[in-house]
Amino acid sequence: MSLRGLSILILEDEPLIALDLARAFRAEEAQATLASSIEAGARLLESRRFDACVLDLWLKGRYVDGLIKVIDRKAIPYVIYSGWSLPADLRSAIYVPKPKPADDVIDAIAARMLRLSA
């Protein structure tokens, strides 16, 4: 599935990882928006529409469960890209473990979007 024209929110507090993900999504002609904190992510989720999200489980030392609830409430497909193991309540989430390359995250988002469109 093409990601061309999709709006992707990247919730990642490691600058080099965030920039690498943004570069990879932009290479696929998607619009990538970065947020490095829970507060910034919440503001963006309330003020803009996103087609999909990529998020780390922890942003600046805080667990992102509140953001996941907002993302779920808005029915936004997401992929977790984290070095942390998935907690039991997220075992069904699509998970790409760090340090897998950004292309693996792209593939996971594309697969998730394709499943939703079928």
N, C-alpha and C. Protein backbone atom coordinates (compact mmCIF):
# COMPACT_ATOMS: atom_id res chain seq x y z
N MET A 1 0.84 -1.19 0.00
CA MET A 1 0.00 0.00 0.00
C MET A 1 0.88 1.24 0.00
N SER A 2 0.49 2.20 -0.79
CA SER A 2 1.22 3.46 -0.85
C SER A 2 0.87 4.33 0.36
N LEU A 3 1.86 5.00 0.89
CA LEU A 3 1.64 5.93 2.00
C LEU A 3 1.53 7.37 1.50
N ARG A 4 1.58 7.54 0.19
CA ARG A 4 1.53 8.87 -0.41
C ARG A 4 0.33 9.66 0.11
N GLY A 5 0.62 10.86 0.62
CA GLY A 5 -0.42 11.76 1.07
C GLY A 5 -0.96 11.51 2.46
N LEU A 6 -0.52 10.41 3.11
CA LEU A 6 -1.01 10.14 4.46
C LEU A 6 -0.30 11.02 5.47
N SER A 7 -1.01 11.35 6.52
CA SER A 7 -0.46 12.15 7.61
C SER A 7 -0.12 11.22 8.78
N ILE A 8 1.16 11.17 9.12
CA ILE A 8 1.66 10.25 10.14
C ILE A 8 2.19 11.05 11.33
N LEU A 9 1.72 10.73 12.52
CA LEU A 9 2.24 11.34 13.75
C LEU A 9 3.29 10.39 14.33
N ILE A 10 4.48 10.93 14.55
CA ILE A 10 5.59 10.15 15.13
C ILE A 10 5.82 10.66 16.54
N LEU A 11 5.57 9.80 17.52
CA LEU A 11 5.75 10.14 18.93
C LEU A 11 7.01 9.45 19.42
N GLU A 12 8.11 10.19 19.42
CA GLU A 12 9.42 9.63 19.73
C GLU A 12 10.28 10.71 20.37
N ASP A 13 10.91 10.39 21.50
CA ASP A 13 11.72 11.40 22.20
C ASP A 13 13.21 11.31 21.90
N GLU A 14 13.64 10.33 21.15
CA GLU A 14 15.05 10.23 20.73
C GLU A 14 15.18 10.97 19.39
N PRO A 15 15.85 12.13 19.37
CA PRO A 15 15.87 12.96 18.16
C PRO A 15 16.35 12.24 16.90
N LEU A 16 17.42 11.47 16.99
CA LEU A 16 17.93 10.81 15.79
C LEU A 16 16.96 9.76 15.26
N ILE A 17 16.30 9.04 16.15
CA ILE A 17 15.31 8.04 15.74
C ILE A 17 14.12 8.75 15.11
N ALA A 18 13.66 9.82 15.74
CA ALA A 18 12.51 10.58 15.21
C ALA A 18 12.81 11.11 13.81
N LEU A 19 14.00 11.67 13.64
CA LEU A 19 14.36 12.23 12.33
C LEU A 19 14.50 11.12 11.28
N ASP A 20 15.04 9.98 11.68
CA ASP A 20 15.17 8.85 10.75
C ASP A 20 13.79 8.36 10.31
N LEU A 21 12.86 8.23 11.25
CA LEU A 21 11.50 7.83 10.92
C LEU A 21 10.84 8.86 9.99
N ALA A 22 10.99 10.13 10.33
CA ALA A 22 10.40 11.19 9.49
C ALA A 22 10.96 11.13 8.08
N ARG A 23 12.26 10.96 7.96
CA ARG A 23 12.90 10.86 6.64
C ARG A 23 12.32 9.69 5.86
N ALA A 24 12.17 8.54 6.52
CA ALA A 24 11.65 7.35 5.85
C ALA A 24 10.21 7.56 5.38
N PHE A 25 9.37 8.16 6.20
CA PHE A 25 7.99 8.41 5.80
C PHE A 25 7.92 9.44 4.67
N ARG A 26 8.74 10.46 4.76
CA ARG A 26 8.74 11.48 3.70
C ARG A 26 9.23 10.90 2.38
N ALA A 27 10.15 9.94 2.44
CA ALA A 27 10.61 9.26 1.22
C ALA A 27 9.46 8.49 0.57
N GLU A 28 8.48 8.10 1.37
CA GLU A 28 7.28 7.41 0.87
C GLU A 28 6.18 8.40 0.51
N GLU A 29 6.52 9.69 0.54
CA GLU A 29 5.61 10.79 0.21
C GLU A 29 4.46 10.94 1.20
N ALA A 30 4.71 10.53 2.43
CA ALA A 30 3.77 10.77 3.52
C ALA A 30 4.20 12.04 4.25
N GLN A 31 3.24 12.67 4.92
CA GLN A 31 3.55 13.84 5.73
C GLN A 31 3.84 13.35 7.15
N ALA A 32 5.02 13.65 7.66
CA ALA A 32 5.42 13.21 8.99
C ALA A 32 5.45 14.40 9.94
N THR A 33 4.78 14.24 11.08
CA THR A 33 4.77 15.26 12.13
C THR A 33 5.37 14.63 13.37
N LEU A 34 6.29 15.35 14.01
CA LEU A 34 7.01 14.83 15.17
C LEU A 34 6.51 15.44 16.46
N ALA A 35 6.46 14.60 17.50
CA ALA A 35 6.19 15.07 18.86
C ALA A 35 7.09 14.26 19.79
N SER A 36 7.74 14.94 20.72
CA SER A 36 8.69 14.25 21.59
C SER A 36 8.22 14.14 23.04
N SER A 37 7.01 14.62 23.31
CA SER A 37 6.48 14.52 24.67
C SER A 37 5.01 14.13 24.64
N ILE A 38 4.52 13.64 25.75
CA ILE A 38 3.11 13.29 25.85
C ILE A 38 2.24 14.53 25.64
N GLU A 39 2.63 15.65 26.22
CA GLU A 39 1.84 16.87 26.10
C GLU A 39 1.75 17.34 24.64
N ALA A 40 2.89 17.34 23.95
CA ALA A 40 2.90 17.76 22.55
C ALA A 40 2.08 16.81 21.70
N GLY A 41 2.19 15.52 21.96
CA GLY A 41 1.41 14.54 21.23
C GLY A 41 -0.08 14.72 21.45
N ALA A 42 -0.48 14.96 22.70
CA ALA A 42 -1.90 15.17 23.03
C ALA A 42 -2.44 16.41 22.32
N ARG A 43 -1.67 17.49 22.31
CA ARG A 43 -2.11 18.72 21.63
C ARG A 43 -2.32 18.46 20.13
N LEU A 44 -1.37 17.76 19.51
CA LEU A 44 -1.49 17.47 18.09
C LEU A 44 -2.68 16.56 17.79
N LEU A 45 -2.87 15.55 18.63
CA LEU A 45 -3.99 14.63 18.42
C LEU A 45 -5.34 15.32 18.57
N GLU A 46 -5.41 16.35 19.40
CA GLU A 46 -6.67 17.07 19.59
C GLU A 46 -6.90 18.12 18.51
N SER A 47 -5.83 18.60 17.88
CA SER A 47 -5.98 19.71 16.95
C SER A 47 -5.88 19.32 15.48
N ARG A 48 -5.40 18.12 15.19
CA ARG A 48 -5.20 17.72 13.79
C ARG A 48 -5.69 16.30 13.57
N ARG A 49 -5.90 15.97 12.31
CA ARG A 49 -6.29 14.61 11.93
C ARG A 49 -5.06 13.88 11.41
N PHE A 50 -4.86 12.67 11.90
CA PHE A 50 -3.75 11.83 11.44
C PHE A 50 -4.30 10.52 10.91
N ASP A 51 -3.65 10.01 9.88
CA ASP A 51 -4.05 8.73 9.30
C ASP A 51 -3.46 7.55 10.06
N ALA A 52 -2.32 7.78 10.71
CA ALA A 52 -1.66 6.71 11.48
C ALA A 52 -0.64 7.34 12.43
N CYS A 53 -0.24 6.54 13.42
CA CYS A 53 0.75 6.99 14.40
C CYS A 53 1.81 5.91 14.59
N VAL A 54 3.01 6.37 14.90
CA VAL A 54 4.10 5.51 15.35
C VAL A 54 4.48 6.05 16.72
N LEU A 55 4.55 5.18 17.71
CA LEU A 55 4.90 5.69 19.03
C LEU A 55 5.78 4.75 19.81
N ASP A 56 6.65 5.36 20.60
CA ASP A 56 7.45 4.66 21.58
C ASP A 56 6.58 4.49 22.83
N LEU A 57 6.86 3.47 23.62
CA LEU A 57 6.06 3.25 24.83
C LEU A 57 6.36 4.25 25.94
N TRP A 58 7.53 4.83 25.90
CA TRP A 58 7.93 5.79 26.93
C TRP A 58 8.44 7.05 26.25
N LEU A 59 7.92 8.20 26.65
CA LEU A 59 8.39 9.49 26.16
C LEU A 59 8.87 10.32 27.35
N LYS A 60 10.13 10.65 27.32
CA LYS A 60 10.73 11.44 28.40
C LYS A 60 10.45 10.83 29.77
N GLY A 61 10.55 9.49 29.84
CA GLY A 61 10.39 8.79 31.11
C GLY A 61 8.96 8.54 31.54
N ARG A 62 7.99 8.84 30.68
CA ARG A 62 6.57 8.65 31.03
C ARG A 62 5.92 7.67 30.06
N TYR A 63 5.15 6.74 30.61
CA TYR A 63 4.43 5.74 29.83
C TYR A 63 3.31 6.40 29.04
N VAL A 64 3.11 5.97 27.80
CA VAL A 64 2.20 6.66 26.88
C VAL A 64 0.77 6.09 26.87
N ASP A 65 0.36 5.41 27.92
CA ASP A 65 -0.96 4.78 27.93
C ASP A 65 -2.10 5.77 27.69
N GLY A 66 -1.97 6.98 28.21
CA GLY A 66 -3.00 7.99 27.98
C GLY A 66 -3.10 8.37 26.51
N LEU A 67 -1.96 8.48 25.83
CA LEU A 67 -1.98 8.79 24.40
C LEU A 67 -2.58 7.64 23.61
N ILE A 68 -2.28 6.41 24.00
CA ILE A 68 -2.85 5.25 23.31
C ILE A 68 -4.37 5.26 23.43
N LYS A 69 -4.88 5.66 24.59
CA LYS A 69 -6.34 5.75 24.76
C LYS A 69 -6.94 6.79 23.81
N VAL A 70 -6.27 7.93 23.66
CA VAL A 70 -6.75 8.96 22.73
C VAL A 70 -6.70 8.44 21.30
N ILE A 71 -5.60 7.80 20.94
CA ILE A 71 -5.44 7.24 19.59
C ILE A 71 -6.52 6.20 19.32
N ASP A 72 -6.77 5.33 20.29
CA ASP A 72 -7.83 4.32 20.14
C ASP A 72 -9.21 4.98 20.01
N ARG A 73 -9.47 5.97 20.85
CA ARG A 73 -10.76 6.66 20.81
C ARG A 73 -11.01 7.29 19.44
N LYS A 74 -9.95 7.79 18.83
CA LYS A 74 -10.06 8.42 17.51
C LYS A 74 -9.96 7.40 16.37
N ALA A 75 -9.79 6.13 16.73
CA ALA A 75 -9.69 5.03 15.75
C ALA A 75 -8.55 5.25 14.75
N ILE A 76 -7.41 5.74 15.26
CA ILE A 76 -6.23 5.94 14.43
C ILE A 76 -5.37 4.68 14.51
N PRO A 77 -5.05 4.07 13.39
CA PRO A 77 -4.17 2.90 13.43
C PRO A 77 -2.77 3.31 13.90
N TYR A 78 -2.13 2.44 14.66
CA TYR A 78 -0.80 2.77 15.16
C TYR A 78 0.10 1.55 15.21
N VAL A 79 1.40 1.86 15.25
CA VAL A 79 2.45 0.86 15.42
C VAL A 79 3.31 1.32 16.59
N ILE A 80 3.61 0.40 17.47
CA ILE A 80 4.52 0.70 18.58
C ILE A 80 5.94 0.35 18.14
N TYR A 81 6.83 1.32 18.26
CA TYR A 81 8.24 1.15 17.90
C TYR A 81 9.04 1.46 19.16
N SER A 82 9.45 0.43 19.85
CA SER A 82 10.03 0.63 21.17
C SER A 82 11.07 -0.44 21.49
N GLY A 83 11.97 -0.09 22.37
CA GLY A 83 12.93 -1.04 22.89
C GLY A 83 12.39 -1.77 24.11
N TRP A 84 11.22 -1.38 24.57
CA TRP A 84 10.58 -2.00 25.73
C TRP A 84 9.66 -3.12 25.28
N SER A 85 9.50 -4.11 26.10
CA SER A 85 8.55 -5.18 25.82
C SER A 85 7.13 -4.65 25.93
N LEU A 86 6.24 -5.26 25.18
CA LEU A 86 4.84 -4.84 25.24
C LEU A 86 4.21 -5.31 26.54
N PRO A 87 3.47 -4.44 27.22
CA PRO A 87 2.72 -4.88 28.40
C PRO A 87 1.56 -5.77 27.95
N ALA A 88 1.01 -6.52 28.89
CA ALA A 88 -0.05 -7.48 28.58
C ALA A 88 -1.24 -6.85 27.87
N ASP A 89 -1.62 -5.63 28.26
CA ASP A 89 -2.80 -5.00 27.66
C ASP A 89 -2.58 -4.54 26.22
N LEU A 90 -1.34 -4.60 25.74
CA LEU A 90 -1.04 -4.19 24.36
C LEU A 90 -0.53 -5.35 23.51
N ARG A 91 -0.65 -6.56 23.99
CA ARG A 91 -0.11 -7.72 23.27
C ARG A 91 -0.65 -7.86 21.85
N SER A 92 -1.83 -7.33 21.59
CA SER A 92 -2.41 -7.44 20.24
C SER A 92 -1.98 -6.29 19.32
N ALA A 93 -1.25 -5.33 19.86
CA ALA A 93 -0.80 -4.19 19.06
C ALA A 93 0.29 -4.63 18.08
N ILE A 94 0.41 -3.90 16.99
CA ILE A 94 1.52 -4.15 16.06
C ILE A 94 2.75 -3.51 16.68
N TYR A 95 3.80 -4.32 16.76
CA TYR A 95 5.01 -3.93 17.49
C TYR A 95 6.23 -4.17 16.61
N VAL A 96 7.05 -3.15 16.50
CA VAL A 96 8.34 -3.27 15.84
C VAL A 96 9.40 -2.95 16.89
N PRO A 97 10.22 -3.93 17.25
CA PRO A 97 11.21 -3.68 18.30
C PRO A 97 12.38 -2.83 17.78
N LYS A 98 12.80 -1.88 18.61
CA LYS A 98 14.03 -1.15 18.31
C LYS A 98 15.17 -2.12 18.55
N PRO A 99 16.21 -2.08 17.81
CA PRO A 99 16.61 -1.08 16.81
C PRO A 99 16.34 -1.50 15.37
N LYS A 100 15.22 -2.14 15.09
CA LYS A 100 14.89 -2.46 13.69
C LYS A 100 14.92 -1.17 12.87
N PRO A 101 15.24 -1.27 11.59
CA PRO A 101 15.32 -0.06 10.76
C PRO A 101 13.96 0.58 10.51
N ALA A 102 14.00 1.85 10.15
CA ALA A 102 12.79 2.62 9.88
C ALA A 102 11.95 1.96 8.78
N ASP A 103 12.59 1.31 7.83
CA ASP A 103 11.84 0.65 6.76
C ASP A 103 10.91 -0.42 7.31
N ASP A 104 11.29 -1.07 8.40
CA ASP A 104 10.40 -2.06 9.02
C ASP A 104 9.16 -1.39 9.61
N VAL A 105 9.33 -0.20 10.13
CA VAL A 105 8.19 0.57 10.66
C VAL A 105 7.27 0.98 9.50
N ILE A 106 7.87 1.43 8.41
CA ILE A 106 7.09 1.78 7.21
C ILE A 106 6.27 0.57 6.76
N ASP A 107 6.91 -0.58 6.69
CA ASP A 107 6.21 -1.80 6.25
C ASP A 107 5.07 -2.15 7.20
N ALA A 108 5.29 -1.98 8.51
CA ALA A 108 4.25 -2.29 9.50
C ALA A 108 3.06 -1.35 9.37
N ILE A 109 3.32 -0.07 9.17
CA ILE A 109 2.23 0.90 8.99
C ILE A 109 1.47 0.59 7.69
N ALA A 110 2.20 0.31 6.62
CA ALA A 110 1.56 0.01 5.34
C ALA A 110 0.69 -1.24 5.47
N ALA A 111 1.19 -2.26 6.16
CA ALA A 111 0.41 -3.49 6.35
C ALA A 111 -0.83 -3.22 7.19
N ARG A 112 -0.69 -2.40 8.22
CA ARG A 112 -1.83 -2.06 9.09
C ARG A 112 -2.90 -1.31 8.30
N MET A 113 -2.46 -0.35 7.48
CA MET A 113 -3.40 0.43 6.68
C MET A 113 -4.09 -0.46 5.64
N LEU A 114 -3.34 -1.38 5.06
CA LEU A 114 -3.89 -2.28 4.05
C LEU A 114 -4.96 -3.18 4.68
N ARG A 115 -4.68 -3.69 5.89
CA ARG A 115 -5.65 -4.53 6.59
C ARG A 115 -6.94 -3.77 6.88
N LEU A 116 -6.80 -2.50 7.22
CA LEU A 116 -7.98 -1.69 7.53
C LEU A 116 -8.80 -1.37 6.30
N SER A 117 -8.14 -1.28 5.14
CA SER A 117 -8.85 -0.92 3.92
C SER A 117 -9.49 -2.14 3.25
N ALA A 118 -9.14 -3.33 3.72
CA ALA A 118 -9.67 -4.56 3.08
C ALA A 118 -11.10 -4.84 3.51
